[in-house]
Amino acid sequence: MPGQDRMQKLFMRAYEQHSDAIFRHCYFRISDRERAQELMQDTFTKTWDYLIKGNDVENLRAFLYQTARNLVIDEYRRRKPEASLEKLQEEKGFDPASNDHKHIGESFDLEVLKEVLDVLEEEYREVVTLRYIDGLKPRQIAKLLDQSPNLVSVRIHRGIAKVRQHLEKKEQDPNEQTA
């Protein structure tokens, strides 16, 4: 079928262009590399299934992010909550009272970034992650989340302000744990 060949080529191009970003999107939300890889693959599998059933997708990138977002939400529902700072201390030896973390490699910086994002409420964490980690523009985020661009911009601004407050507070008193 000529239409299916064309659709397959478009889909493969979308995979090449967006698979890394979808993986990062999942990874920064669930903090498990293997599970994030599985969720990224599930995102593309579900999208392909949707397309071959004859459904149209106006914006494939937005559809992929929405599918990944839904899979991450499902993953959260299955998991029990865990204290991320305690997990960092146990698994990575992270001690927020120490300044040694400034000299550790890139992968550790990702862990610190995830810990900082964990202080944000979900409404702010989601838009900040989509903006600064996934590289989406406020209008794209607004469309993805079905919100106004103004609301998204306000939440990004407030989220960044909360991150700054957290970092300043940590800098002033590194032994104090903020939530």
N, C-alpha and C. Protein backbone atom coordinates (compact mmCIF):
# COMPACT_ATOMS: atom_id res chain seq x y z
N MET A 1 0.83 -1.18 0.00
CA MET A 1 0.00 0.00 0.00
C MET A 1 0.87 1.24 0.00
N PRO A 2 0.74 2.08 -1.01
CA PRO A 2 1.56 3.28 -1.10
C PRO A 2 1.37 4.22 0.08
N GLY A 3 0.15 4.35 0.59
CA GLY A 3 -0.11 5.24 1.72
C GLY A 3 0.59 4.77 2.98
N GLN A 4 0.61 3.45 3.17
CA GLN A 4 1.26 2.91 4.36
C GLN A 4 2.78 3.06 4.27
N ASP A 5 3.35 2.92 3.06
CA ASP A 5 4.80 3.12 2.89
C ASP A 5 5.18 4.55 3.24
N ARG A 6 4.39 5.49 2.77
CA ARG A 6 4.64 6.90 3.06
C ARG A 6 4.53 7.16 4.57
N MET A 7 3.48 6.58 5.18
CA MET A 7 3.28 6.75 6.61
C MET A 7 4.45 6.14 7.39
N GLN A 8 4.93 5.00 6.93
CA GLN A 8 6.04 4.34 7.60
C GLN A 8 7.31 5.19 7.53
N LYS A 9 7.56 5.81 6.38
CA LYS A 9 8.72 6.68 6.24
C LYS A 9 8.62 7.90 7.15
N LEU A 10 7.43 8.50 7.21
CA LEU A 10 7.22 9.65 8.10
C LEU A 10 7.41 9.25 9.56
N PHE A 11 6.90 8.08 9.89
CA PHE A 11 7.03 7.60 11.26
C PHE A 11 8.50 7.35 11.62
N MET A 12 9.23 6.74 10.72
CA MET A 12 10.66 6.46 10.97
C MET A 12 11.44 7.76 11.10
N ARG A 13 11.10 8.75 10.31
CA ARG A 13 11.75 10.06 10.43
C ARG A 13 11.43 10.68 11.79
N ALA A 14 10.19 10.55 12.21
CA ALA A 14 9.80 11.07 13.53
C ALA A 14 10.55 10.35 14.64
N TYR A 15 10.74 9.05 14.48
CA TYR A 15 11.50 8.29 15.48
C TYR A 15 12.94 8.81 15.56
N GLU A 16 13.56 8.99 14.41
CA GLU A 16 14.94 9.49 14.39
C GLU A 16 15.05 10.89 15.00
N GLN A 17 14.07 11.72 14.74
CA GLN A 17 14.13 13.10 15.22
C GLN A 17 13.76 13.24 16.69
N HIS A 18 12.86 12.40 17.20
CA HIS A 18 12.29 12.65 18.51
C HIS A 18 12.55 11.57 19.56
N SER A 19 13.12 10.45 19.21
CA SER A 19 13.27 9.36 20.19
C SER A 19 14.16 9.76 21.37
N ASP A 20 15.25 10.46 21.11
CA ASP A 20 16.12 10.89 22.21
C ASP A 20 15.41 11.85 23.15
N ALA A 21 14.66 12.78 22.58
CA ALA A 21 13.94 13.76 23.40
C ALA A 21 12.84 13.08 24.22
N ILE A 22 12.15 12.14 23.63
CA ILE A 22 11.10 11.41 24.36
C ILE A 22 11.74 10.59 25.48
N PHE A 23 12.88 9.98 25.21
CA PHE A 23 13.60 9.24 26.26
C PHE A 23 13.95 10.17 27.42
N ARG A 24 14.54 11.33 27.11
CA ARG A 24 14.90 12.29 28.17
C ARG A 24 13.66 12.72 28.96
N HIS A 25 12.59 12.97 28.24
CA HIS A 25 11.33 13.37 28.87
C HIS A 25 10.91 12.31 29.90
N CYS A 26 10.96 11.05 29.53
CA CYS A 26 10.58 9.96 30.44
C CYS A 26 11.61 9.80 31.56
N TYR A 27 12.88 9.87 31.21
CA TYR A 27 13.94 9.66 32.20
C TYR A 27 13.91 10.70 33.31
N PHE A 28 13.72 11.95 32.96
CA PHE A 28 13.71 12.99 33.98
C PHE A 28 12.46 12.94 34.84
N ARG A 29 11.49 12.20 34.43
CA ARG A 29 10.28 12.08 35.23
C ARG A 29 10.29 10.86 36.12
N ILE A 30 10.91 9.77 35.67
CA ILE A 30 10.86 8.54 36.47
C ILE A 30 12.21 8.11 37.03
N SER A 31 13.30 8.71 36.59
CA SER A 31 14.64 8.46 37.13
C SER A 31 15.10 7.01 37.04
N ASP A 32 14.67 6.31 36.03
CA ASP A 32 15.08 4.92 35.82
C ASP A 32 15.37 4.76 34.33
N ARG A 33 16.64 4.61 34.01
CA ARG A 33 17.09 4.58 32.62
C ARG A 33 16.41 3.47 31.81
N GLU A 34 16.40 2.26 32.34
CA GLU A 34 15.81 1.14 31.61
C GLU A 34 14.31 1.33 31.41
N ARG A 35 13.64 1.76 32.46
CA ARG A 35 12.18 1.95 32.36
C ARG A 35 11.86 3.11 31.41
N ALA A 36 12.69 4.16 31.43
CA ALA A 36 12.49 5.28 30.51
C ALA A 36 12.64 4.81 29.06
N GLN A 37 13.61 3.94 28.81
CA GLN A 37 13.80 3.38 27.47
C GLN A 37 12.56 2.60 27.05
N GLU A 38 12.01 1.80 27.97
CA GLU A 38 10.81 1.04 27.67
C GLU A 38 9.62 1.96 27.39
N LEU A 39 9.48 3.01 28.18
CA LEU A 39 8.38 3.95 27.98
C LEU A 39 8.52 4.68 26.64
N MET A 40 9.76 5.02 26.28
CA MET A 40 9.98 5.65 24.97
C MET A 40 9.55 4.70 23.86
N GLN A 41 9.94 3.45 23.97
CA GLN A 41 9.56 2.46 22.95
C GLN A 41 8.04 2.27 22.93
N ASP A 42 7.43 2.21 24.11
CA ASP A 42 5.97 2.09 24.19
C ASP A 42 5.28 3.29 23.54
N THR A 43 5.87 4.46 23.71
CA THR A 43 5.31 5.67 23.11
C THR A 43 5.23 5.53 21.59
N PHE A 44 6.31 5.08 21.00
CA PHE A 44 6.33 4.93 19.54
C PHE A 44 5.46 3.76 19.07
N THR A 45 5.42 2.69 19.86
CA THR A 45 4.56 1.55 19.51
C THR A 45 3.09 1.96 19.52
N LYS A 46 2.68 2.64 20.57
CA LYS A 46 1.28 3.09 20.67
C LYS A 46 0.95 4.09 19.56
N THR A 47 1.89 4.95 19.25
CA THR A 47 1.66 5.92 18.17
C THR A 47 1.51 5.20 16.84
N TRP A 48 2.38 4.24 16.57
CA TRP A 48 2.29 3.48 15.32
C TRP A 48 0.95 2.75 15.24
N ASP A 49 0.55 2.10 16.34
CA ASP A 49 -0.74 1.40 16.36
C ASP A 49 -1.89 2.35 16.05
N TYR A 50 -1.82 3.53 16.61
CA TYR A 50 -2.85 4.55 16.39
C TYR A 50 -2.90 4.96 14.91
N LEU A 51 -1.72 5.14 14.33
CA LEU A 51 -1.65 5.57 12.94
C LEU A 51 -2.13 4.49 11.96
N ILE A 52 -1.74 3.24 12.20
CA ILE A 52 -2.12 2.20 11.23
C ILE A 52 -3.60 1.86 11.31
N LYS A 53 -4.27 2.31 12.36
CA LYS A 53 -5.72 2.13 12.44
C LYS A 53 -6.45 3.18 11.61
N GLY A 54 -5.67 4.05 10.97
CA GLY A 54 -6.26 5.04 10.08
C GLY A 54 -6.54 6.38 10.74
N ASN A 55 -6.10 6.56 11.95
CA ASN A 55 -6.30 7.83 12.64
C ASN A 55 -5.30 8.88 12.15
N ASP A 56 -5.76 10.10 12.06
CA ASP A 56 -4.90 11.20 11.64
C ASP A 56 -4.32 11.90 12.85
N VAL A 57 -3.09 12.35 12.70
CA VAL A 57 -2.42 13.12 13.74
C VAL A 57 -1.94 14.41 13.10
N GLU A 58 -2.42 15.52 13.62
CA GLU A 58 -2.06 16.82 13.05
C GLU A 58 -0.61 17.19 13.35
N ASN A 59 -0.19 17.00 14.59
CA ASN A 59 1.16 17.34 15.02
C ASN A 59 1.76 16.11 15.69
N LEU A 60 2.60 15.38 14.95
CA LEU A 60 3.14 14.12 15.44
C LEU A 60 4.01 14.31 16.68
N ARG A 61 4.79 15.37 16.72
CA ARG A 61 5.65 15.62 17.88
C ARG A 61 4.81 15.83 19.14
N ALA A 62 3.78 16.63 19.06
CA ALA A 62 2.90 16.86 20.20
C ALA A 62 2.20 15.57 20.61
N PHE A 63 1.79 14.78 19.62
CA PHE A 63 1.13 13.51 19.91
C PHE A 63 2.08 12.57 20.65
N LEU A 64 3.35 12.53 20.22
CA LEU A 64 4.34 11.67 20.88
C LEU A 64 4.53 12.11 22.34
N TYR A 65 4.66 13.40 22.57
CA TYR A 65 4.84 13.89 23.94
C TYR A 65 3.61 13.60 24.79
N GLN A 66 2.44 13.76 24.22
CA GLN A 66 1.21 13.48 24.98
C GLN A 66 1.14 11.99 25.33
N THR A 67 1.49 11.13 24.40
CA THR A 67 1.49 9.69 24.65
C THR A 67 2.52 9.35 25.73
N ALA A 68 3.71 9.91 25.64
CA ALA A 68 4.74 9.67 26.65
C ALA A 68 4.28 10.18 28.01
N ARG A 69 3.69 11.34 28.02
CA ARG A 69 3.18 11.93 29.27
C ARG A 69 2.16 11.01 29.91
N ASN A 70 1.25 10.48 29.12
CA ASN A 70 0.24 9.56 29.65
C ASN A 70 0.88 8.28 30.20
N LEU A 71 1.89 7.77 29.51
CA LEU A 71 2.57 6.57 29.99
C LEU A 71 3.31 6.84 31.30
N VAL A 72 3.91 8.01 31.43
CA VAL A 72 4.60 8.38 32.67
C VAL A 72 3.58 8.49 33.81
N ILE A 73 2.44 9.10 33.54
CA ILE A 73 1.39 9.20 34.56
C ILE A 73 0.95 7.81 35.00
N ASP A 74 0.76 6.91 34.04
CA ASP A 74 0.40 5.53 34.39
C ASP A 74 1.48 4.88 35.24
N GLU A 75 2.72 5.17 34.92
CA GLU A 75 3.86 4.62 35.68
C GLU A 75 3.83 5.14 37.12
N TYR A 76 3.56 6.42 37.30
CA TYR A 76 3.45 6.99 38.65
C TYR A 76 2.33 6.32 39.44
N ARG A 77 1.24 6.06 38.80
CA ARG A 77 0.12 5.42 39.49
C ARG A 77 0.46 4.02 39.97
N ARG A 78 1.31 3.34 39.23
CA ARG A 78 1.71 1.98 39.62
C ARG A 78 2.76 1.97 40.72
N ARG A 79 3.55 3.00 40.79
CA ARG A 79 4.64 3.07 41.76
C ARG A 79 4.15 3.62 43.08
N LYS A 80 4.87 3.22 44.13
CA LYS A 80 4.62 3.88 45.41
C LYS A 80 5.62 5.02 45.52
N PRO A 81 5.24 6.11 46.18
CA PRO A 81 6.15 7.25 46.28
C PRO A 81 7.41 6.89 47.08
N GLU A 82 8.52 7.49 46.69
CA GLU A 82 9.77 7.28 47.41
C GLU A 82 10.46 8.62 47.59
N ALA A 83 11.18 8.75 48.66
CA ALA A 83 11.88 10.01 48.95
C ALA A 83 13.11 10.10 48.07
N SER A 84 13.11 11.03 47.14
CA SER A 84 14.19 11.09 46.16
C SER A 84 15.51 11.52 46.79
N LEU A 85 15.49 12.42 47.77
CA LEU A 85 16.74 12.85 48.39
C LEU A 85 17.37 11.69 49.15
N GLU A 86 16.56 10.91 49.85
CA GLU A 86 17.08 9.75 50.56
C GLU A 86 17.66 8.74 49.56
N LYS A 87 16.99 8.57 48.45
CA LYS A 87 17.47 7.66 47.41
C LYS A 87 18.82 8.14 46.87
N LEU A 88 18.95 9.44 46.64
CA LEU A 88 20.23 10.00 46.19
C LEU A 88 21.33 9.75 47.21
N GLN A 89 21.01 9.90 48.49
CA GLN A 89 22.01 9.69 49.54
C GLN A 89 22.45 8.24 49.59
N GLU A 90 21.47 7.31 49.47
CA GLU A 90 21.80 5.89 49.54
C GLU A 90 22.53 5.38 48.31
N GLU A 91 22.00 5.70 47.13
CA GLU A 91 22.53 5.13 45.90
C GLU A 91 23.76 5.85 45.37
N LYS A 92 23.80 7.18 45.50
CA LYS A 92 24.88 7.95 44.88
C LYS A 92 25.82 8.57 45.91
N GLY A 93 25.49 8.42 47.20
CA GLY A 93 26.34 9.02 48.21
C GLY A 93 26.22 10.53 48.24
N PHE A 94 25.12 11.05 47.75
CA PHE A 94 24.91 12.50 47.69
C PHE A 94 24.67 13.05 49.08
N ASP A 95 25.44 14.04 49.47
CA ASP A 95 25.25 14.70 50.74
C ASP A 95 25.09 16.18 50.46
N PRO A 96 23.88 16.72 50.60
CA PRO A 96 23.67 18.12 50.27
C PRO A 96 24.47 19.07 51.15
N ALA A 97 24.95 18.60 52.29
CA ALA A 97 25.75 19.45 53.17
C ALA A 97 27.17 19.62 52.64
N SER A 98 27.57 18.75 51.75
CA SER A 98 28.93 18.78 51.21
C SER A 98 28.98 19.58 49.92
N ASN A 99 30.09 20.27 49.69
CA ASN A 99 30.26 20.99 48.43
C ASN A 99 30.99 20.14 47.40
N ASP A 100 31.31 18.87 47.76
CA ASP A 100 32.04 18.00 46.85
C ASP A 100 31.26 17.69 45.58
N HIS A 101 29.93 17.81 45.62
CA HIS A 101 29.13 17.44 44.45
C HIS A 101 29.42 18.35 43.25
N LYS A 102 30.05 19.48 43.48
CA LYS A 102 30.36 20.38 42.36
C LYS A 102 31.47 19.81 41.48
N HIS A 103 32.23 18.85 42.00
CA HIS A 103 33.37 18.32 41.27
C HIS A 103 33.13 16.92 40.71
N ILE A 104 31.91 16.45 40.76
CA ILE A 104 31.61 15.11 40.27
C ILE A 104 31.12 15.22 38.83
N GLY A 105 31.21 14.13 38.09
CA GLY A 105 30.92 14.14 36.65
C GLY A 105 29.51 14.50 36.23
N GLU A 106 29.31 14.50 34.93
CA GLU A 106 28.05 14.92 34.33
C GLU A 106 26.85 14.13 34.80
N SER A 107 26.99 12.81 34.93
CA SER A 107 25.84 12.00 35.32
C SER A 107 25.35 12.40 36.70
N PHE A 108 26.26 12.79 37.56
CA PHE A 108 25.84 13.24 38.88
C PHE A 108 25.09 14.56 38.78
N ASP A 109 25.52 15.43 37.88
CA ASP A 109 24.81 16.69 37.69
C ASP A 109 23.36 16.45 37.30
N LEU A 110 23.11 15.40 36.53
CA LEU A 110 21.75 15.04 36.18
C LEU A 110 20.96 14.66 37.42
N GLU A 111 21.61 13.94 38.33
CA GLU A 111 20.95 13.55 39.57
C GLU A 111 20.60 14.79 40.40
N VAL A 112 21.51 15.73 40.46
CA VAL A 112 21.24 16.97 41.21
C VAL A 112 20.10 17.73 40.54
N LEU A 113 20.10 17.78 39.22
CA LEU A 113 19.04 18.45 38.50
C LEU A 113 17.69 17.81 38.81
N LYS A 114 17.64 16.49 38.82
CA LYS A 114 16.39 15.80 39.14
C LYS A 114 15.97 16.11 40.57
N GLU A 115 16.91 16.18 41.49
CA GLU A 115 16.59 16.48 42.88
C GLU A 115 16.01 17.89 42.99
N VAL A 116 16.59 18.83 42.26
CA VAL A 116 16.09 20.21 42.28
C VAL A 116 14.68 20.26 41.68
N LEU A 117 14.46 19.53 40.60
CA LEU A 117 13.13 19.51 40.00
C LEU A 117 12.10 18.89 40.93
N ASP A 118 12.55 17.97 41.79
CA ASP A 118 11.63 17.32 42.72
C ASP A 118 11.04 18.28 43.74
N VAL A 119 11.68 19.43 43.99
CA VAL A 119 11.12 20.40 44.94
C VAL A 119 9.92 21.13 44.35
N LEU A 120 9.78 21.10 43.05
CA LEU A 120 8.67 21.80 42.41
C LEU A 120 7.38 20.99 42.48
N GLU A 121 6.29 21.70 42.62
CA GLU A 121 4.98 21.06 42.51
C GLU A 121 4.82 20.60 41.07
N GLU A 122 4.02 19.59 40.85
CA GLU A 122 3.89 18.96 39.53
C GLU A 122 3.54 19.97 38.43
N GLU A 123 2.65 20.92 38.71
CA GLU A 123 2.25 21.87 37.67
C GLU A 123 3.42 22.71 37.18
N TYR A 124 4.39 22.98 38.05
CA TYR A 124 5.57 23.74 37.66
C TYR A 124 6.65 22.82 37.09
N ARG A 125 6.83 21.66 37.72
CA ARG A 125 7.87 20.72 37.27
C ARG A 125 7.62 20.31 35.82
N GLU A 126 6.36 20.06 35.48
CA GLU A 126 6.05 19.61 34.13
C GLU A 126 6.41 20.65 33.09
N VAL A 127 6.01 21.91 33.29
CA VAL A 127 6.30 22.92 32.28
C VAL A 127 7.78 23.28 32.23
N VAL A 128 8.45 23.29 33.39
CA VAL A 128 9.89 23.58 33.42
C VAL A 128 10.66 22.47 32.70
N THR A 129 10.27 21.23 32.95
CA THR A 129 10.91 20.09 32.28
C THR A 129 10.69 20.15 30.77
N LEU A 130 9.44 20.40 30.37
CA LEU A 130 9.16 20.48 28.93
C LEU A 130 9.90 21.63 28.27
N ARG A 131 10.06 22.73 28.99
CA ARG A 131 10.72 23.91 28.42
C ARG A 131 12.24 23.75 28.36
N TYR A 132 12.85 23.41 29.48
CA TYR A 132 14.31 23.47 29.56
C TYR A 132 15.01 22.13 29.34
N ILE A 133 14.34 21.03 29.51
CA ILE A 133 14.97 19.74 29.26
C ILE A 133 14.56 19.20 27.90
N ASP A 134 13.26 19.34 27.59
CA ASP A 134 12.78 18.84 26.30
C ASP A 134 12.90 19.88 25.19
N GLY A 135 13.12 21.14 25.56
CA GLY A 135 13.35 22.18 24.57
C GLY A 135 12.11 22.65 23.82
N LEU A 136 10.94 22.44 24.40
CA LEU A 136 9.72 22.90 23.75
C LEU A 136 9.49 24.38 24.06
N LYS A 137 8.85 25.07 23.13
CA LYS A 137 8.52 26.48 23.33
C LYS A 137 7.20 26.57 24.09
N PRO A 138 6.97 27.69 24.78
CA PRO A 138 5.72 27.83 25.55
C PRO A 138 4.45 27.54 24.74
N ARG A 139 4.42 27.98 23.49
CA ARG A 139 3.23 27.70 22.66
C ARG A 139 3.06 26.20 22.42
N GLN A 140 4.17 25.49 22.22
CA GLN A 140 4.10 24.05 22.01
C GLN A 140 3.63 23.36 23.29
N ILE A 141 4.15 23.82 24.42
CA ILE A 141 3.75 23.24 25.70
C ILE A 141 2.27 23.49 25.94
N ALA A 142 1.82 24.69 25.63
CA ALA A 142 0.41 25.05 25.82
C ALA A 142 -0.49 24.12 25.00
N LYS A 143 -0.10 23.87 23.77
CA LYS A 143 -0.89 22.99 22.92
C LYS A 143 -0.88 21.56 23.46
N LEU A 144 0.28 21.11 23.88
CA LEU A 144 0.43 19.76 24.42
C LEU A 144 -0.43 19.56 25.66
N LEU A 145 -0.44 20.56 26.55
CA LEU A 145 -1.17 20.44 27.81
C LEU A 145 -2.59 20.98 27.75
N ASP A 146 -2.97 21.50 26.59
CA ASP A 146 -4.29 22.09 26.40
C ASP A 146 -4.52 23.22 27.41
N GLN A 147 -3.54 24.12 27.46
CA GLN A 147 -3.61 25.29 28.33
C GLN A 147 -3.25 26.51 27.50
N SER A 148 -3.49 27.69 28.07
CA SER A 148 -3.15 28.91 27.33
C SER A 148 -1.65 29.15 27.39
N PRO A 149 -1.08 29.74 26.34
CA PRO A 149 0.36 30.06 26.36
C PRO A 149 0.71 30.98 27.54
N ASN A 150 -0.20 31.88 27.90
CA ASN A 150 0.05 32.78 29.02
C ASN A 150 0.18 31.99 30.32
N LEU A 151 -0.71 31.04 30.56
CA LEU A 151 -0.65 30.23 31.78
C LEU A 151 0.66 29.44 31.82
N VAL A 152 1.05 28.88 30.69
CA VAL A 152 2.30 28.12 30.63
C VAL A 152 3.49 29.02 30.95
N SER A 153 3.53 30.21 30.37
CA SER A 153 4.63 31.15 30.62
C SER A 153 4.69 31.54 32.09
N VAL A 154 3.53 31.78 32.69
CA VAL A 154 3.49 32.13 34.11
C VAL A 154 4.02 30.98 34.96
N ARG A 155 3.61 29.76 34.64
CA ARG A 155 4.07 28.60 35.41
C ARG A 155 5.57 28.36 35.24
N ILE A 156 6.07 28.59 34.05
CA ILE A 156 7.52 28.46 33.83
C ILE A 156 8.25 29.48 34.70
N HIS A 157 7.80 30.72 34.65
CA HIS A 157 8.42 31.80 35.42
C HIS A 157 8.37 31.48 36.92
N ARG A 158 7.22 31.08 37.42
CA ARG A 158 7.09 30.76 38.85
C ARG A 158 7.92 29.54 39.23
N GLY A 159 7.96 28.55 38.36
CA GLY A 159 8.77 27.36 38.63
C GLY A 159 10.24 27.69 38.74
N ILE A 160 10.73 28.52 37.82
CA ILE A 160 12.14 28.93 37.87
C ILE A 160 12.41 29.74 39.13
N ALA A 161 11.47 30.60 39.52
CA ALA A 161 11.62 31.38 40.76
C ALA A 161 11.71 30.46 41.97
N LYS A 162 10.92 29.40 42.00
CA LYS A 162 10.97 28.45 43.11
C LYS A 162 12.30 27.69 43.12
N VAL A 163 12.80 27.35 41.95
CA VAL A 163 14.11 26.67 41.89
C VAL A 163 15.19 27.61 42.43
N ARG A 164 15.15 28.88 42.01
CA ARG A 164 16.13 29.85 42.51
C ARG A 164 16.05 29.99 44.03
N GLN A 165 14.83 30.08 44.54
CA GLN A 165 14.65 30.18 45.99
C GLN A 165 15.26 28.97 46.69
N HIS A 166 14.99 27.81 46.16
CA HIS A 166 15.51 26.56 46.75
C HIS A 166 17.04 26.56 46.74
N LEU A 167 17.62 26.94 45.62
CA LEU A 167 19.08 26.94 45.51
C LEU A 167 19.71 27.99 46.42
N GLU A 168 19.09 29.17 46.50
CA GLU A 168 19.61 30.22 47.39
C GLU A 168 19.53 29.78 48.84
N LYS A 169 18.44 29.16 49.20
CA LYS A 169 18.25 28.69 50.57
C LYS A 169 19.29 27.61 50.89
N LYS A 170 19.51 26.73 49.95
CA LYS A 170 20.49 25.66 50.12
C LYS A 170 21.91 26.23 50.24
N GLU A 171 22.18 27.28 49.47
CA GLU A 171 23.49 27.92 49.50
C GLU A 171 23.72 28.60 50.85
N GLN A 172 22.67 29.22 51.39
CA GLN A 172 22.78 29.89 52.68
C GLN A 172 22.95 28.90 53.83
N ASP A 173 22.20 27.80 53.80
CA ASP A 173 22.28 26.79 54.84
C ASP A 173 22.24 25.41 54.19
N PRO A 174 23.40 24.88 53.79
CA PRO A 174 23.45 23.63 53.07
C PRO A 174 22.94 22.43 53.88
N ASN A 175 22.88 22.56 55.21
CA ASN A 175 22.41 21.44 56.03
C ASN A 175 20.90 21.37 56.10
N GLU A 176 20.22 22.46 55.75
CA GLU A 176 18.76 22.48 55.82
C GLU A 176 18.18 21.82 54.59
N GLN A 177 17.21 20.92 54.81
CA GLN A 177 16.53 20.26 53.71
C GLN A 177 15.22 20.97 53.47
N THR A 178 15.04 21.43 52.23
CA THR A 178 13.79 22.11 51.89
C THR A 178 12.90 21.19 51.10
N ALA A 179 11.61 21.44 51.16
CA ALA A 179 10.67 20.60 50.41
C ALA A 179 9.92 21.43 49.41
